[in-house]
Amino acid sequence: MTSSAEHAEHTSDRPDGTAVQDAGNTPARRGRVRARRAAVMAVPAAAVAAGLAILTAEGALGVQFAISGMPFTVTATELNGTGFAQFGALDEMAEGSPNAGDTGGQVLVVTSVIKNATLTKLCQSVDLGGTNLVIRAGEGAQKVTASDLTTDSTQLSGDAAFNNIEIGNDASTLDKAGPKGRGPKGVFSQQSDTVRIANLRQTNYATTAGVFKLPGLKLGFSGSGC
């Protein structure tokens, strides 16, 4: 799983890498990290193909249902979470899906798991071709809340901060986000005690949650998405 960031700030007493930053030659250590305009999955096509082969061999399937193959956008002015984990996985479409194209029906994703999350001004949209189905919630005093929130993304950006982050774990050993926050053995991963992302923007292929509460829910069609 490869990631990049345009700019990062580190605390002076705990230098560190981040979940969305190239760690370079410096070993990742526990600490507090802030990243500016973090971006996940900025990888060339050759790396994607290699990642698909590796994850297929590891049996690293993402969500346990066939995805539609239609990406959707999720934004929030702020996300706060406790118990964060992230690792690579594969999502699979239904056999013969018209959205498969030349992907073979598989999408390489970054799976992010948050044990408990709150989101402010959540927006979710999917392009249906000529119109967008848009869902909004948490725009008032009450925020959107979720437990065991899991997203499978191909792009993620925002202004991120992590507490007590660990980078380079074997995904099967993760323990900060609970049982759902563990991946297959041999897969690169990272985890932290807490995560905060301002100006969150994701391109997702799947989302699941144990409990998902959306106060002030609004659903409708629009000429533009989130």
C-alpha atoms as a PDB file:
ATOM      1  CA  MET A   1       0.000   0.000   0.000  1.00  0.00           C
ATOM      2  CA  THR A   2       1.550   3.280  -1.143  1.00  0.00           C
ATOM      3  CA  SER A   3       0.707   6.803  -0.037  1.00  0.00           C
ATOM      4  CA  SER A   4       1.940  10.391  -0.334  1.00  0.00           C
ATOM      5  CA  ALA A   5       1.552  13.789   1.360  1.00  0.00           C
ATOM      6  CA  GLU A   6       2.416  17.229   0.163  1.00  0.00           C
ATOM      7  CA  HIS A   7       3.536  18.464   3.575  1.00  0.00           C
ATOM      8  CA  ALA A   8       3.894  17.052   7.095  1.00  0.00           C
ATOM      9  CA  GLU A   9       4.575  18.476  10.549  1.00  0.00           C
ATOM     10  CA  HIS A  10       6.085  16.392  13.361  1.00  0.00           C
ATOM     11  CA  THR A  11       6.304  17.126  17.074  1.00  0.00           C
ATOM     12  CA  SER A  12       9.890  17.744  18.148  1.00  0.00           C
ATOM     13  CA  ASP A  13       9.931  15.065  20.841  1.00  0.00           C
ATOM     14  CA  ARG A  14       8.328  12.291  18.822  1.00  0.00           C
ATOM     15  CA  PRO A  15       9.422  12.358  15.172  1.00  0.00           C
ATOM     16  CA  ASP A  16       7.397   9.930  13.109  1.00  0.00           C
ATOM     17  CA  GLY A  17       5.973   8.902   9.783  1.00  0.00           C
ATOM     18  CA  THR A  18       2.263   8.953   9.059  1.00  0.00           C
ATOM     19  CA  ALA A  19      -0.391   6.636   7.672  1.00  0.00           C
ATOM     20  CA  VAL A  20      -0.625   8.753   4.561  1.00  0.00           C
ATOM     21  CA  GLN A  21       2.988   9.864   4.154  1.00  0.00           C
ATOM     22  CA  ASP A  22       6.099   8.308   2.606  1.00  0.00           C
ATOM     23  CA  ALA A  23       8.154   7.275   5.624  1.00  0.00           C
ATOM     24  CA  GLY A  24      11.413   7.229   3.621  1.00  0.00           C
ATOM     25  CA  ASN A  25      14.388   5.635   5.368  1.00  0.00           C
ATOM     26  CA  THR A  26      13.316   6.572   8.905  1.00  0.00           C
ATOM     27  CA  PRO A  27      11.822   3.717  10.989  1.00  0.00           C
ATOM     28  CA  ALA A  28       8.296   4.460  12.187  1.00  0.00           C
ATOM     29  CA  ARG A  29       7.985   5.020  15.927  1.00  0.00           C
ATOM     30  CA  ARG A  30       5.066   5.599  18.253  1.00  0.00           C
ATOM     31  CA  GLY A  31       4.071   9.245  18.583  1.00  0.00           C
ATOM     32  CA  ARG A  32       1.826  12.068  17.509  1.00  0.00           C
ATOM     33  CA  VAL A  33       1.789  12.955  13.839  1.00  0.00           C
ATOM     34  CA  ARG A  34       0.162  15.662  11.758  1.00  0.00           C
ATOM     35  CA  ALA A  35      -0.008  15.517   7.953  1.00  0.00           C
ATOM     36  CA  ARG A  36      -1.191  18.265   5.572  1.00  0.00           C
ATOM     37  CA  ARG A  37      -3.318  17.367   2.551  1.00  0.00           C
ATOM     38  CA  ALA A  38      -2.678  13.670   2.992  1.00  0.00           C
ATOM     39  CA  ALA A  39      -3.344  11.490  -0.070  1.00  0.00           C
ATOM     40  CA  VAL A  40      -3.674   7.697  -0.178  1.00  0.00           C
ATOM     41  CA  MET A  41      -3.049   5.432  -3.141  1.00  0.00           C
ATOM     42  CA  ALA A  42      -0.976   7.746  -5.361  1.00  0.00           C
ATOM     43  CA  VAL A  43       0.534   4.758  -7.167  1.00  0.00           C
ATOM     44  CA  PRO A  44       1.481   3.982 -10.785  1.00  0.00           C
ATOM     45  CA  ALA A  45      -0.405   1.374 -12.795  1.00  0.00           C
ATOM     46  CA  ALA A  46       2.465  -1.136 -12.566  1.00  0.00           C
ATOM     47  CA  ALA A  47       2.388  -0.945  -8.776  1.00  0.00           C
ATOM     48  CA  VAL A  48      -1.385  -1.497  -8.779  1.00  0.00           C
ATOM     49  CA  ALA A  49      -0.957  -4.634 -10.881  1.00  0.00           C
ATOM     50  CA  ALA A  50       1.748  -5.910  -8.546  1.00  0.00           C
ATOM     51  CA  GLY A  51      -0.415  -5.133  -5.525  1.00  0.00           C
ATOM     52  CA  LEU A  52      -3.343  -7.054  -7.009  1.00  0.00           C
ATOM     53  CA  ALA A  53      -1.140 -10.095  -7.547  1.00  0.00           C
ATOM     54  CA  ILE A  54       0.258 -10.005  -4.011  1.00  0.00           C
ATOM     55  CA  LEU A  55      -3.100  -9.472  -2.313  1.00  0.00           C
ATOM     56  CA  THR A  56      -4.740 -12.175  -4.425  1.00  0.00           C
ATOM     57  CA  ALA A  57      -2.046 -14.597  -3.327  1.00  0.00           C
ATOM     58  CA  GLU A  58      -2.598 -13.600   0.300  1.00  0.00           C
ATOM     59  CA  GLY A  59      -6.379 -13.971  -0.018  1.00  0.00           C
ATOM     60  CA  ALA A  60      -6.758 -10.392   1.198  1.00  0.00           C
ATOM     61  CA  LEU A  61     -10.433  -9.884   0.380  1.00  0.00           C
ATOM     62  CA  GLY A  62     -12.094  -6.700   1.590  1.00  0.00           C
ATOM     63  CA  VAL A  63     -15.806  -6.521   2.348  1.00  0.00           C
ATOM     64  CA  GLN A  64     -17.623  -9.851   2.322  1.00  0.00           C
ATOM     65  CA  PHE A  65     -20.126  -8.870  -0.354  1.00  0.00           C
ATOM     66  CA  ALA A  66     -19.916  -8.238  -4.092  1.00  0.00           C
ATOM     67  CA  ILE A  67     -19.425  -4.534  -4.746  1.00  0.00           C
ATOM     68  CA  SER A  68     -21.303  -2.745  -7.530  1.00  0.00           C
ATOM     69  CA  GLY A  69     -18.066  -1.451  -9.026  1.00  0.00           C
ATOM     70  CA  MET A  70     -19.435   2.110  -8.958  1.00  0.00           C
ATOM     71  CA  PRO A  71     -17.231   4.419  -6.867  1.00  0.00           C
ATOM     72  CA  PHE A  72     -18.875   6.954  -4.556  1.00  0.00           C
ATOM     73  CA  THR A  73     -17.562  10.122  -2.946  1.00  0.00           C
ATOM     74  CA  VAL A  74     -17.633  10.806   0.794  1.00  0.00           C
ATOM     75  CA  THR A  75     -16.733  14.144   2.363  1.00  0.00           C
ATOM     76  CA  ALA A  76     -16.865  15.564   5.884  1.00  0.00           C
ATOM     77  CA  THR A  77     -15.582  18.781   7.384  1.00  0.00           C
ATOM     78  CA  GLU A  78     -14.121  16.726  10.239  1.00  0.00           C
ATOM     79  CA  LEU A  79     -13.720  13.093  11.266  1.00  0.00           C
ATOM     80  CA  ASN A  80     -12.629  12.048  14.761  1.00  0.00           C
ATOM     81  CA  GLY A  81     -12.043   8.446  15.740  1.00  0.00           C
ATOM     82  CA  THR A  82     -10.615   6.161  18.371  1.00  0.00           C
ATOM     83  CA  GLY A  83      -9.030   2.851  17.428  1.00  0.00           C
ATOM     84  CA  PHE A  84      -7.743   3.250  13.854  1.00  0.00           C
ATOM     85  CA  ALA A  85      -6.323   0.600  11.490  1.00  0.00           C
ATOM     86  CA  GLN A  86      -5.458   0.620   7.782  1.00  0.00           C
ATOM     87  CA  PHE A  87      -4.279  -2.074   5.361  1.00  0.00           C
ATOM     88  CA  GLY A  88      -4.533  -3.163   1.737  1.00  0.00           C
ATOM     89  CA  ALA A  89      -7.297  -5.411   0.432  1.00  0.00           C
ATOM     90  CA  LEU A  90      -9.242  -6.450  -2.664  1.00  0.00           C
ATOM     91  CA  ASP A  91     -12.918  -5.825  -3.362  1.00  0.00           C
ATOM     92  CA  GLU A  92     -14.665  -8.050  -5.892  1.00  0.00           C
ATOM     93  CA  MET A  93     -17.623  -7.370  -8.160  1.00  0.00           C
ATOM     94  CA  ALA A  94     -20.359  -9.854  -9.006  1.00  0.00           C
ATOM     95  CA  GLU A  95     -19.393 -12.231 -11.791  1.00  0.00           C
ATOM     96  CA  GLY A  96     -20.108 -10.667 -15.178  1.00  0.00           C
ATOM     97  CA  SER A  97     -20.623  -7.165 -13.740  1.00  0.00           C
ATOM     98  CA  PRO A  98     -20.954  -4.544 -16.509  1.00  0.00           C
ATOM     99  CA  ASN A  99     -18.733  -2.264 -14.396  1.00  0.00           C
ATOM    100  CA  ALA A 100     -15.763  -4.642 -14.426  1.00  0.00           C
ATOM    101  CA  GLY A 101     -14.196  -3.168 -17.563  1.00  0.00           C
ATOM    102  CA  ASP A 102     -10.576  -4.336 -17.794  1.00  0.00           C
ATOM    103  CA  THR A 103     -10.217  -4.792 -14.013  1.00  0.00           C
ATOM    104  CA  GLY A 104     -11.145  -8.457 -14.001  1.00  0.00           C
ATOM    105  CA  GLY A 105     -13.833  -7.576 -11.483  1.00  0.00           C
ATOM    106  CA  GLN A 106     -11.327  -6.712  -8.746  1.00  0.00           C
ATOM    107  CA  VAL A 107     -10.445  -3.341  -7.199  1.00  0.00           C
ATOM    108  CA  LEU A 108      -7.322  -2.727  -5.123  1.00  0.00           C
ATOM    109  CA  VAL A 109      -8.377  -0.699  -2.062  1.00  0.00           C
ATOM    110  CA  VAL A 110      -7.115   0.687   1.202  1.00  0.00           C
ATOM    111  CA  THR A 111      -9.302  -0.587   4.039  1.00  0.00           C
ATOM    112  CA  SER A 112      -9.607   1.862   6.944  1.00  0.00           C
ATOM    113  CA  VAL A 113     -11.263   0.723  10.171  1.00  0.00           C
ATOM    114  CA  ILE A 114     -12.280   3.025  13.031  1.00  0.00           C
ATOM    115  CA  LYS A 115     -13.657   1.494  16.211  1.00  0.00           C
ATOM    116  CA  ASN A 116     -15.686   4.594  17.112  1.00  0.00           C
ATOM    117  CA  ALA A 117     -16.058   7.590  14.789  1.00  0.00           C
ATOM    118  CA  THR A 118     -17.855  10.923  14.632  1.00  0.00           C
ATOM    119  CA  LEU A 119     -18.241  12.945  11.421  1.00  0.00           C
ATOM    120  CA  THR A 120     -19.341  16.538  10.932  1.00  0.00           C
ATOM    121  CA  LYS A 121     -21.337  17.572   7.836  1.00  0.00           C
ATOM    122  CA  LEU A 122     -21.185  14.208   6.100  1.00  0.00           C
ATOM    123  CA  CYS A 123     -21.898  14.104   2.370  1.00  0.00           C
ATOM    124  CA  GLN A 124     -22.045  10.991   0.198  1.00  0.00           C
ATOM    125  CA  SER A 125     -22.715  11.005  -3.546  1.00  0.00           C
ATOM    126  CA  VAL A 126     -22.674   8.543  -6.423  1.00  0.00           C
ATOM    127  CA  ASP A 127     -22.701   9.512 -10.097  1.00  0.00           C
ATOM    128  CA  LEU A 128     -25.559   7.657 -11.792  1.00  0.00           C
ATOM    129  CA  GLY A 129     -24.820   9.105 -15.215  1.00  0.00           C
ATOM    130  CA  GLY A 130     -26.440  12.472 -15.759  1.00  0.00           C
ATOM    131  CA  THR A 131     -27.516  12.842 -12.134  1.00  0.00           C
ATOM    132  CA  ASN A 132     -26.108  12.229  -8.668  1.00  0.00           C
ATOM    133  CA  LEU A 133     -27.707  10.517  -5.691  1.00  0.00           C
ATOM    134  CA  VAL A 134     -26.662  12.632  -2.695  1.00  0.00           C
ATOM    135  CA  ILE A 135     -26.986  11.888   1.022  1.00  0.00           C
ATOM    136  CA  ARG A 136     -26.246  14.517   3.680  1.00  0.00           C
ATOM    137  CA  ALA A 137     -26.338  14.260   7.479  1.00  0.00           C
ATOM    138  CA  GLY A 138     -24.831  15.735  10.628  1.00  0.00           C
ATOM    139  CA  GLU A 139     -25.118  19.334   9.463  1.00  0.00           C
ATOM    140  CA  GLY A 140     -26.646  20.577  12.715  1.00  0.00           C
ATOM    141  CA  ALA A 141     -25.600  20.299  16.352  1.00  0.00           C
ATOM    142  CA  GLN A 142     -25.689  16.491  16.260  1.00  0.00           C
ATOM    143  CA  LYS A 143     -22.853  14.721  14.471  1.00  0.00           C
ATOM    144  CA  VAL A 144     -22.902  11.473  12.527  1.00  0.00           C
ATOM    145  CA  THR A 145     -21.647   8.586  14.683  1.00  0.00           C
ATOM    146  CA  ALA A 146     -20.524   5.088  13.740  1.00  0.00           C
ATOM    147  CA  SER A 147     -19.059   2.025  15.420  1.00  0.00           C
ATOM    148  CA  ASP A 148     -16.745  -0.407  13.607  1.00  0.00           C
ATOM    149  CA  LEU A 149     -16.746   1.965  10.627  1.00  0.00           C
ATOM    150  CA  THR A 150     -14.962   0.362   7.670  1.00  0.00           C
ATOM    151  CA  THR A 151     -14.290   2.038   4.323  1.00  0.00           C
ATOM    152  CA  ASP A 152     -12.642   0.571   1.222  1.00  0.00           C
ATOM    153  CA  SER A 153     -11.059   3.486  -0.643  1.00  0.00           C
ATOM    154  CA  THR A 154      -8.955   4.174  -3.704  1.00  0.00           C
ATOM    155  CA  GLN A 155      -8.381   7.818  -2.755  1.00  0.00           C
ATOM    156  CA  LEU A 156      -8.328   9.586   0.627  1.00  0.00           C
ATOM    157  CA  SER A 157      -7.267  13.155   1.357  1.00  0.00           C
ATOM    158  CA  GLY A 158      -7.470  15.656   4.206  1.00  0.00           C
ATOM    159  CA  ASP A 159      -5.519  17.260   7.049  1.00  0.00           C
ATOM    160  CA  ALA A 160      -4.722  14.347   9.352  1.00  0.00           C
ATOM    161  CA  ALA A 161      -3.401  13.859  12.886  1.00  0.00           C
ATOM    162  CA  PHE A 162      -2.690  10.543  14.628  1.00  0.00           C
ATOM    163  CA  ASN A 163      -1.799   9.656  18.226  1.00  0.00           C
ATOM    164  CA  ASN A 164       0.523   6.727  19.007  1.00  0.00           C
ATOM    165  CA  ILE A 165       0.804   5.587  15.405  1.00  0.00           C
ATOM    166  CA  GLU A 166       2.528   2.368  14.342  1.00  0.00           C
ATOM    167  CA  ILE A 167       3.538   1.874  10.700  1.00  0.00           C
ATOM    168  CA  GLY A 168       4.648  -1.346   9.026  1.00  0.00           C
ATOM    169  CA  ASN A 169       2.760  -3.847  11.181  1.00  0.00           C
ATOM    170  CA  ASP A 170       1.749  -7.251   9.873  1.00  0.00           C
ATOM    171  CA  ALA A 171      -1.980  -6.698   9.316  1.00  0.00           C
ATOM    172  CA  SER A 172      -2.874  -9.907  11.160  1.00  0.00           C
ATOM    173  CA  THR A 173      -1.399  -8.514  14.406  1.00  0.00           C
ATOM    174  CA  LEU A 174      -3.349  -5.225  14.590  1.00  0.00           C
ATOM    175  CA  ASP A 175      -5.205  -4.689  17.877  1.00  0.00           C
ATOM    176  CA  LYS A 176      -6.214  -1.015  18.173  1.00  0.00           C
ATOM    177  CA  ALA A 177      -9.455  -1.183  16.152  1.00  0.00           C
ATOM    178  CA  GLY A 178     -10.762  -4.499  17.470  1.00  0.00           C
ATOM    179  CA  PRO A 179     -11.290  -7.775  15.555  1.00  0.00           C
ATOM    180  CA  LYS A 180     -12.632  -6.018  12.449  1.00  0.00           C
ATOM    181  CA  GLY A 181      -9.437  -3.999  12.278  1.00  0.00           C
ATOM    182  CA  ARG A 182      -7.214  -6.949  11.396  1.00  0.00           C
ATOM    183  CA  GLY A 183      -6.093  -7.930   7.916  1.00  0.00           C
ATOM    184  CA  PRO A 184      -4.400 -10.970   6.352  1.00  0.00           C
ATOM    185  CA  LYS A 185      -1.010 -12.210   7.484  1.00  0.00           C
ATOM    186  CA  GLY A 186       1.888 -10.761   5.523  1.00  0.00           C
ATOM    187  CA  VAL A 187       0.062  -7.575   4.447  1.00  0.00           C
ATOM    188  CA  PHE A 188       1.532  -4.133   5.262  1.00  0.00           C
ATOM    189  CA  SER A 189      -0.557  -2.083   7.669  1.00  0.00           C
ATOM    190  CA  GLN A 190      -0.635   0.729  10.198  1.00  0.00           C
ATOM    191  CA  GLN A 191      -2.665   1.636  13.278  1.00  0.00           C
ATOM    192  CA  SER A 192      -3.074   4.392  15.873  1.00  0.00           C
ATOM    193  CA  ASP A 193      -4.921   5.116  19.099  1.00  0.00           C
ATOM    194  CA  THR A 194      -6.774   8.074  17.592  1.00  0.00           C
ATOM    195  CA  VAL A 195      -7.260   9.732  14.217  1.00  0.00           C
ATOM    196  CA  ARG A 196      -8.503  13.189  13.240  1.00  0.00           C
ATOM    197  CA  ILE A 197      -8.999  14.246   9.622  1.00  0.00           C
ATOM    198  CA  ALA A 198     -10.217  17.710   8.701  1.00  0.00           C
ATOM    199  CA  ASN A 199     -11.569  18.354   5.198  1.00  0.00           C
ATOM    200  CA  LEU A 200     -11.965  14.631   4.594  1.00  0.00           C
ATOM    201  CA  ARG A 201     -12.536  13.460   1.022  1.00  0.00           C
ATOM    202  CA  GLN A 202     -12.691   9.797  -0.048  1.00  0.00           C
ATOM    203  CA  THR A 203     -13.387   7.792  -3.156  1.00  0.00           C
ATOM    204  CA  ASN A 204     -14.914   4.579  -1.816  1.00  0.00           C
ATOM    205  CA  TYR A 205     -16.166   1.309  -3.212  1.00  0.00           C
ATOM    206  CA  ALA A 206     -17.678  -0.009   0.030  1.00  0.00           C
ATOM    207  CA  THR A 207     -18.607   1.128   3.535  1.00  0.00           C
ATOM    208  CA  THR A 208     -19.814  -0.942   6.474  1.00  0.00           C
ATOM    209  CA  ALA A 209     -20.550  -0.165  10.116  1.00  0.00           C
ATOM    210  CA  GLY A 210     -21.884  -1.944  13.169  1.00  0.00           C
ATOM    211  CA  VAL A 211     -24.083   1.045  14.021  1.00  0.00           C
ATOM    212  CA  PHE A 212     -24.403   4.125  11.778  1.00  0.00           C
ATOM    213  CA  LYS A 213     -26.444   7.080  13.095  1.00  0.00           C
ATOM    214  CA  LEU A 214     -27.204   9.915  10.658  1.00  0.00           C
ATOM    215  CA  PRO A 215     -29.071  12.815  12.342  1.00  0.00           C
ATOM    216  CA  GLY A 216     -30.790  15.210   9.949  1.00  0.00           C
ATOM    217  CA  LEU A 217     -30.565  12.751   7.056  1.00  0.00           C
ATOM    218  CA  LYS A 218     -31.390  14.199   3.621  1.00  0.00           C
ATOM    219  CA  LEU A 219     -31.455  12.125   0.444  1.00  0.00           C
ATOM    220  CA  GLY A 220     -32.119  13.388  -3.060  1.00  0.00           C
ATOM    221  CA  PHE A 221     -30.909  13.814  -6.637  1.00  0.00           C
ATOM    222  CA  SER A 222     -28.652  16.638  -7.765  1.00  0.00           C
ATOM    223  CA  GLY A 223     -26.812  17.808 -10.836  1.00  0.00           C
ATOM    224  CA  SER A 224     -23.568  17.818  -8.821  1.00  0.00           C
ATOM    225  CA  GLY A 225     -22.035  15.527  -6.209  1.00  0.00           C
ATOM    226  CA  CYS A 226     -20.201  16.214  -2.955  1.00  0.00           C
END
